[in-house]
Amino acid sequence: MYRLTKKDPTDGIFLSHDVCLGQTLTLTEDNNEIETIRVVDDGSDHTPECSNRSGKPRLNRWVTGRGLKIGDSQQRVIDLYGQPNSRSPSTKDGKPLELLYYAFDWAGPDVPQVMEVVCTRDKDGKPGRVVEITLAAASL
């Protein structure tokens, strides 16, 4: 239920929207090299017609190399990647969020150099959830 499409032939941005999961994947490229990969929960409801034959919701295929995906808890981010290099409050559309920043420059040029994970904030004893993941070749 998703397809990668080029938004504008001149801007180097490719989009794919998964209507079943309510997520958008964006790739930006420069000189035929991927600069950033971003997955965002667009806040839309999941479409019931997207269940697989067993009636279960479709699995999220957009995950990081360590298995992090939209909807995971903030604690899972830390379990998978350790404490972030920095964390800071953020907002989007008036919603309070928290930004976790990881620098991977120590790992060499063959891996993304930066990962930003945006989570909802803890509320009513419930842990924050991942709503956006960005991997980038260079510092954002």
C-alpha atoms as a PDB file:
ATOM      1  CA  MET A   1       0.000   0.000   0.000  1.00  0.00           C
ATOM      2  CA  TYR A   2       2.906   2.373  -0.506  1.00  0.00           C
ATOM      3  CA  ARG A   3       5.024   3.539  -3.363  1.00  0.00           C
ATOM      4  CA  LEU A   4       8.112   5.738  -3.524  1.00  0.00           C
ATOM      5  CA  THR A   5       7.419   8.787  -5.648  1.00  0.00           C
ATOM      6  CA  LYS A   6       9.519  11.759  -6.585  1.00  0.00           C
ATOM      7  CA  LYS A   7       7.845  14.900  -5.314  1.00  0.00           C
ATOM      8  CA  ASP A   8       9.607  17.293  -7.686  1.00  0.00           C
ATOM      9  CA  PRO A   9      12.087  16.232 -10.385  1.00  0.00           C
ATOM     10  CA  THR A  10      14.507  19.000  -9.409  1.00  0.00           C
ATOM     11  CA  ASP A  11      14.549  18.948  -5.613  1.00  0.00           C
ATOM     12  CA  GLY A  12      15.987  15.499  -4.806  1.00  0.00           C
ATOM     13  CA  ILE A  13      13.125  14.545  -2.481  1.00  0.00           C
ATOM     14  CA  PHE A  14      11.383  11.176  -2.675  1.00  0.00           C
ATOM     15  CA  LEU A  15       8.248  10.419  -0.657  1.00  0.00           C
ATOM     16  CA  SER A  16       6.397   7.276   0.249  1.00  0.00           C
ATOM     17  CA  HIS A  17       3.228   7.262   2.303  1.00  0.00           C
ATOM     18  CA  ASP A  18       1.975   4.114   3.988  1.00  0.00           C
ATOM     19  CA  VAL A  19      -1.772   4.633   4.342  1.00  0.00           C
ATOM     20  CA  CYS A  20      -2.105   1.492   6.442  1.00  0.00           C
ATOM     21  CA  LEU A  21       0.298   2.671   9.131  1.00  0.00           C
ATOM     22  CA  GLY A  22      -0.227   6.413   8.732  1.00  0.00           C
ATOM     23  CA  GLN A  23       3.473   7.020   8.135  1.00  0.00           C
ATOM     24  CA  THR A  24       5.495   8.920   5.578  1.00  0.00           C
ATOM     25  CA  LEU A  25       9.033   8.023   4.515  1.00  0.00           C
ATOM     26  CA  THR A  26      11.065  10.844   2.980  1.00  0.00           C
ATOM     27  CA  LEU A  27      14.450  10.427   1.307  1.00  0.00           C
ATOM     28  CA  THR A  28      16.504  13.435   0.282  1.00  0.00           C
ATOM     29  CA  GLU A  29      19.438  13.065  -2.027  1.00  0.00           C
ATOM     30  CA  ASP A  30      22.188  15.231  -3.401  1.00  0.00           C
ATOM     31  CA  ASN A  31      24.381  14.185  -6.331  1.00  0.00           C
ATOM     32  CA  ASN A  32      22.749  10.723  -6.301  1.00  0.00           C
ATOM     33  CA  GLU A  33      23.701  10.135  -2.658  1.00  0.00           C
ATOM     34  CA  ILE A  34      21.112   9.812   0.092  1.00  0.00           C
ATOM     35  CA  GLU A  35      21.481  12.681   2.548  1.00  0.00           C
ATOM     36  CA  THR A  36      18.596  11.988   4.933  1.00  0.00           C
ATOM     37  CA  ILE A  37      15.987   9.354   5.622  1.00  0.00           C
ATOM     38  CA  ARG A  38      13.011  10.424   7.719  1.00  0.00           C
ATOM     39  CA  VAL A  39      10.007   8.407   8.873  1.00  0.00           C
ATOM     40  CA  VAL A  40       7.145  10.356  10.436  1.00  0.00           C
ATOM     41  CA  ASP A  41       3.880   9.290  12.035  1.00  0.00           C
ATOM     42  CA  ASP A  42       1.389  11.574  10.328  1.00  0.00           C
ATOM     43  CA  GLY A  43      -1.193  11.131  13.084  1.00  0.00           C
ATOM     44  CA  SER A  44      -3.835   9.608  10.821  1.00  0.00           C
ATOM     45  CA  ASP A  45      -5.856   6.606  11.880  1.00  0.00           C
ATOM     46  CA  HIS A  46      -4.831   3.201  10.613  1.00  0.00           C
ATOM     47  CA  THR A  47      -6.986   1.893   7.786  1.00  0.00           C
ATOM     48  CA  PRO A  48      -8.787  -1.338   8.798  1.00  0.00           C
ATOM     49  CA  GLU A  49      -8.748  -2.642   5.214  1.00  0.00           C
ATOM     50  CA  CYS A  50      -4.978  -2.936   5.515  1.00  0.00           C
ATOM     51  CA  SER A  51      -5.031  -5.926   7.862  1.00  0.00           C
ATOM     52  CA  ASN A  52      -3.374  -9.020   6.507  1.00  0.00           C
ATOM     53  CA  ARG A  53      -5.322 -12.209   5.821  1.00  0.00           C
ATOM     54  CA  SER A  54      -5.189 -13.257   9.466  1.00  0.00           C
ATOM     55  CA  GLY A  55      -6.907 -10.009  10.458  1.00  0.00           C
ATOM     56  CA  LYS A  56      -3.830  -8.690  12.257  1.00  0.00           C
ATOM     57  CA  PRO A  57      -2.491  -5.222  11.432  1.00  0.00           C
ATOM     58  CA  ARG A  58       0.352  -5.079   8.940  1.00  0.00           C
ATOM     59  CA  LEU A  59       3.862  -4.972  10.391  1.00  0.00           C
ATOM     60  CA  ASN A  60       5.941  -1.828  10.147  1.00  0.00           C
ATOM     61  CA  ARG A  61       8.703  -2.366   7.583  1.00  0.00           C
ATOM     62  CA  TRP A  62      10.392   0.987   8.133  1.00  0.00           C
ATOM     63  CA  VAL A  63      12.832   0.269  10.951  1.00  0.00           C
ATOM     64  CA  THR A  64      16.397   1.259  11.798  1.00  0.00           C
ATOM     65  CA  GLY A  65      19.257  -1.213  11.617  1.00  0.00           C
ATOM     66  CA  ARG A  66      18.672  -2.101  15.265  1.00  0.00           C
ATOM     67  CA  GLY A  67      14.920  -2.471  14.867  1.00  0.00           C
ATOM     68  CA  LEU A  68      13.657   0.897  16.148  1.00  0.00           C
ATOM     69  CA  LYS A  69      10.332   1.938  14.618  1.00  0.00           C
ATOM     70  CA  ILE A  70       7.589   4.516  14.917  1.00  0.00           C
ATOM     71  CA  GLY A  71       5.433   3.766  17.964  1.00  0.00           C
ATOM     72  CA  ASP A  72       8.224   2.237  20.064  1.00  0.00           C
ATOM     73  CA  SER A  73       8.670   3.569  23.584  1.00  0.00           C
ATOM     74  CA  GLN A  74      11.315   6.135  24.418  1.00  0.00           C
ATOM     75  CA  GLN A  75      12.851   3.530  26.724  1.00  0.00           C
ATOM     76  CA  ARG A  76      13.301   1.177  23.746  1.00  0.00           C
ATOM     77  CA  VAL A  77      15.308   3.893  21.971  1.00  0.00           C
ATOM     78  CA  ILE A  78      17.646   4.048  24.966  1.00  0.00           C
ATOM     79  CA  ASP A  79      17.774   0.256  25.283  1.00  0.00           C
ATOM     80  CA  LEU A  80      18.826  -0.035  21.625  1.00  0.00           C
ATOM     81  CA  TYR A  81      21.137   2.988  21.287  1.00  0.00           C
ATOM     82  CA  GLY A  82      22.135   3.979  24.825  1.00  0.00           C
ATOM     83  CA  GLN A  83      21.786   7.432  26.316  1.00  0.00           C
ATOM     84  CA  PRO A  84      21.567  10.140  23.632  1.00  0.00           C
ATOM     85  CA  ASN A  85      24.341  12.702  23.140  1.00  0.00           C
ATOM     86  CA  SER A  86      21.700  15.296  23.956  1.00  0.00           C
ATOM     87  CA  ARG A  87      17.994  15.568  24.626  1.00  0.00           C
ATOM     88  CA  SER A  88      15.847  18.630  24.471  1.00  0.00           C
ATOM     89  CA  PRO A  89      12.207  19.650  24.639  1.00  0.00           C
ATOM     90  CA  SER A  90      10.485  20.304  21.352  1.00  0.00           C
ATOM     91  CA  THR A  91       7.020  21.002  19.981  1.00  0.00           C
ATOM     92  CA  LYS A  92       5.233  20.248  16.747  1.00  0.00           C
ATOM     93  CA  ASP A  93       1.743  21.475  15.926  1.00  0.00           C
ATOM     94  CA  GLY A  94       1.471  22.604  19.540  1.00  0.00           C
ATOM     95  CA  LYS A  95       2.190  19.131  20.938  1.00  0.00           C
ATOM     96  CA  PRO A  96       4.995  18.794  23.500  1.00  0.00           C
ATOM     97  CA  LEU A  97       7.740  16.449  22.313  1.00  0.00           C
ATOM     98  CA  GLU A  98      11.257  15.420  23.252  1.00  0.00           C
ATOM     99  CA  LEU A  99      14.169  15.235  20.815  1.00  0.00           C
ATOM    100  CA  LEU A 100      16.869  12.605  21.328  1.00  0.00           C
ATOM    101  CA  TYR A 101      20.064  13.305  19.368  1.00  0.00           C
ATOM    102  CA  TYR A 102      22.690  10.672  18.575  1.00  0.00           C
ATOM    103  CA  ALA A 103      26.003  11.361  16.828  1.00  0.00           C
ATOM    104  CA  PHE A 104      27.630   8.403  15.061  1.00  0.00           C
ATOM    105  CA  ASP A 105      30.644  10.179  13.566  1.00  0.00           C
ATOM    106  CA  TRP A 106      32.863   7.803  15.546  1.00  0.00           C
ATOM    107  CA  ALA A 107      31.551   4.875  13.459  1.00  0.00           C
ATOM    108  CA  GLY A 108      33.070   6.084  10.183  1.00  0.00           C
ATOM    109  CA  PRO A 109      31.646   7.493   6.952  1.00  0.00           C
ATOM    110  CA  ASP A 110      29.835   4.315   5.845  1.00  0.00           C
ATOM    111  CA  VAL A 111      26.996   4.778   8.354  1.00  0.00           C
ATOM    112  CA  PRO A 112      24.615   7.650   9.045  1.00  0.00           C
ATOM    113  CA  GLN A 113      26.422  10.281  11.080  1.00  0.00           C
ATOM    114  CA  VAL A 114      23.382  11.536  12.988  1.00  0.00           C
ATOM    115  CA  MET A 115      20.112  10.119  14.251  1.00  0.00           C
ATOM    116  CA  GLU A 116      17.348  12.254  15.680  1.00  0.00           C
ATOM    117  CA  VAL A 117      14.417  10.570  17.381  1.00  0.00           C
ATOM    118  CA  VAL A 118      11.364  12.634  18.283  1.00  0.00           C
ATOM    119  CA  CYS A 119       9.112  11.215  20.999  1.00  0.00           C
ATOM    120  CA  THR A 120       5.934  12.250  22.706  1.00  0.00           C
ATOM    121  CA  ARG A 121       6.530  13.139  26.341  1.00  0.00           C
ATOM    122  CA  ASP A 122       5.643  10.835  29.233  1.00  0.00           C
ATOM    123  CA  LYS A 123       2.045  11.429  30.246  1.00  0.00           C
ATOM    124  CA  ASP A 124      -0.109   9.962  33.005  1.00  0.00           C
ATOM    125  CA  GLY A 125       2.526   7.326  33.774  1.00  0.00           C
ATOM    126  CA  LYS A 126       2.680   6.179  30.143  1.00  0.00           C
ATOM    127  CA  PRO A 127       6.084   6.326  28.451  1.00  0.00           C
ATOM    128  CA  GLY A 128       6.705   8.613  25.508  1.00  0.00           C
ATOM    129  CA  ARG A 129       6.425   7.069  22.037  1.00  0.00           C
ATOM    130  CA  VAL A 130       8.551   7.538  18.916  1.00  0.00           C
ATOM    131  CA  VAL A 131       6.773   9.713  16.324  1.00  0.00           C
ATOM    132  CA  GLU A 132       9.692  10.582  14.023  1.00  0.00           C
ATOM    133  CA  ILE A 133      13.100   9.125  13.179  1.00  0.00           C
ATOM    134  CA  THR A 134      15.681  10.916  11.044  1.00  0.00           C
ATOM    135  CA  LEU A 135      18.969   9.421   9.867  1.00  0.00           C
ATOM    136  CA  ALA A 136      21.377  11.807   8.166  1.00  0.00           C
ATOM    137  CA  ALA A 137      24.736  11.612   6.449  1.00  0.00           C
ATOM    138  CA  ALA A 138      25.866  14.862   8.077  1.00  0.00           C
ATOM    139  CA  SER A 139      24.939  16.947  11.082  1.00  0.00           C
ATOM    140  CA  LEU A 140      21.425  18.349  10.931  1.00  0.00           C
END
